[in-house]
């Protein structure tokens, strides 16, 4: 399980959210993993979030908790050879 804290910026400044990976759906990385392009490298992760503390940013985040997901494309870059020692 992956967990962490995200801190809001802008209109959410000062708010904190605890993010936890969804134990029923493991993060995925690889060809087609972003569920958008079945022939491209991608990454997907599903998570739950909970607003922590009492900070409330003017109604922008009314819920105390929820679910979300991240889908991203990954780029493959050929390895750069290291210079020869000498």
Protein backbone atom coordinates (compact mmCIF):
# COMPACT_ATOMS: atom_id res chain seq x y z
CA UNK A 1 0.00 0.00 0.00
CA UNK A 2 1.26 3.47 -0.91
CA UNK A 3 0.31 6.48 1.24
CA UNK A 4 1.24 10.15 1.47
CA UNK A 5 0.07 13.68 2.19
CA UNK A 6 -0.78 16.26 -0.49
CA UNK A 7 -0.90 19.95 0.47
CA UNK A 8 -3.23 22.29 -1.40
CA UNK A 9 -2.08 25.40 -3.28
CA UNK A 10 -3.99 28.35 -4.72
CA UNK A 11 -7.62 28.26 -3.62
CA UNK A 12 -6.87 25.10 -1.63
CA UNK A 13 -3.82 26.63 0.13
CA UNK A 14 -3.27 25.18 3.57
CA UNK A 15 -5.55 22.19 3.13
CA UNK A 16 -4.06 18.74 3.53
CA UNK A 17 -5.23 15.50 2.01
CA UNK A 18 -4.15 12.03 2.99
CA UNK A 19 -3.83 9.86 -0.14
CA UNK A 20 -3.80 6.06 0.08
CA UNK A 21 -3.56 3.62 -2.81
CA UNK A 22 -6.67 1.54 -3.32
CA UNK A 23 -5.85 -1.95 -1.98
CA UNK A 24 -8.28 -3.56 -4.43
CA UNK A 25 -6.48 -2.12 -7.50
CA UNK A 26 -2.68 -2.15 -7.54
CA UNK A 27 -0.75 0.54 -9.42
CA UNK A 28 0.06 -0.50 -12.98
CA UNK A 29 2.91 0.46 -15.30
CA UNK A 30 3.63 -0.85 -18.78
CA UNK A 31 2.20 -1.05 -22.26
CA UNK A 32 -1.50 -0.15 -22.09
CA UNK A 33 -1.45 0.44 -18.34
CA UNK A 34 -2.94 3.93 -18.61
CA UNK A 35 -6.11 2.43 -20.13
CA UNK A 36 -5.97 5.06 -22.90
CA UNK A 37 -3.47 3.71 -25.43
CA UNK A 38 -3.15 -0.06 -25.68
CA UNK A 39 0.15 0.21 -27.56
CA UNK A 40 1.92 2.91 -25.50
CA UNK A 41 3.73 2.90 -22.16
CA UNK A 42 1.52 4.18 -19.36
CA UNK A 43 0.91 4.35 -15.63
CA UNK A 44 -2.34 4.11 -13.66
CA UNK A 45 -3.07 4.32 -9.95
CA UNK A 46 -6.31 4.39 -8.01
CA UNK A 47 -6.48 6.00 -4.58
CA UNK A 48 -8.72 7.14 -1.77
CA UNK A 49 -8.34 10.58 -0.20
CA UNK A 50 -9.34 12.14 3.08
CA UNK A 51 -9.25 15.84 3.94
CA UNK A 52 -7.35 16.19 7.20
CA UNK A 53 -7.46 19.05 9.67
CA UNK A 54 -10.11 21.75 9.96
CA UNK A 55 -9.01 24.01 7.09
CA UNK A 56 -11.88 24.57 4.66
CA UNK A 57 -11.17 26.47 1.44
CA UNK A 58 -14.38 28.36 0.76
CA UNK A 59 -16.49 25.42 -0.35
CA UNK A 60 -14.14 24.10 -3.04
CA UNK A 61 -13.79 20.75 -1.27
CA UNK A 62 -17.07 20.04 0.47
CA UNK A 63 -16.49 16.31 0.91
CA UNK A 64 -14.38 14.95 3.73
CA UNK A 65 -13.21 11.99 1.64
CA UNK A 66 -13.46 10.40 -1.78
CA UNK A 67 -11.79 8.34 -4.51
CA UNK A 68 -9.68 9.29 -7.51
CA UNK A 69 -7.32 7.98 -10.13
CA UNK A 70 -4.20 9.02 -11.99
CA UNK A 71 -3.58 8.02 -15.60
CA UNK A 72 -0.37 9.06 -17.30
CA UNK A 73 1.62 8.39 -20.44
CA UNK A 74 5.24 7.34 -19.96
CA UNK A 75 8.01 8.10 -22.41
CA UNK A 76 10.76 5.63 -23.19
CA UNK A 77 14.14 7.30 -23.54
CA UNK A 78 17.10 5.33 -24.84
CA UNK A 79 19.76 5.03 -22.15
CA UNK A 80 22.61 7.47 -22.52
CA UNK A 81 25.96 5.61 -22.48
CA UNK A 82 28.33 6.57 -19.69
CA UNK A 83 31.67 8.03 -20.74
CA UNK A 84 34.51 5.53 -20.79
CA UNK A 85 36.67 5.58 -17.65
CA UNK A 86 40.14 6.63 -18.28
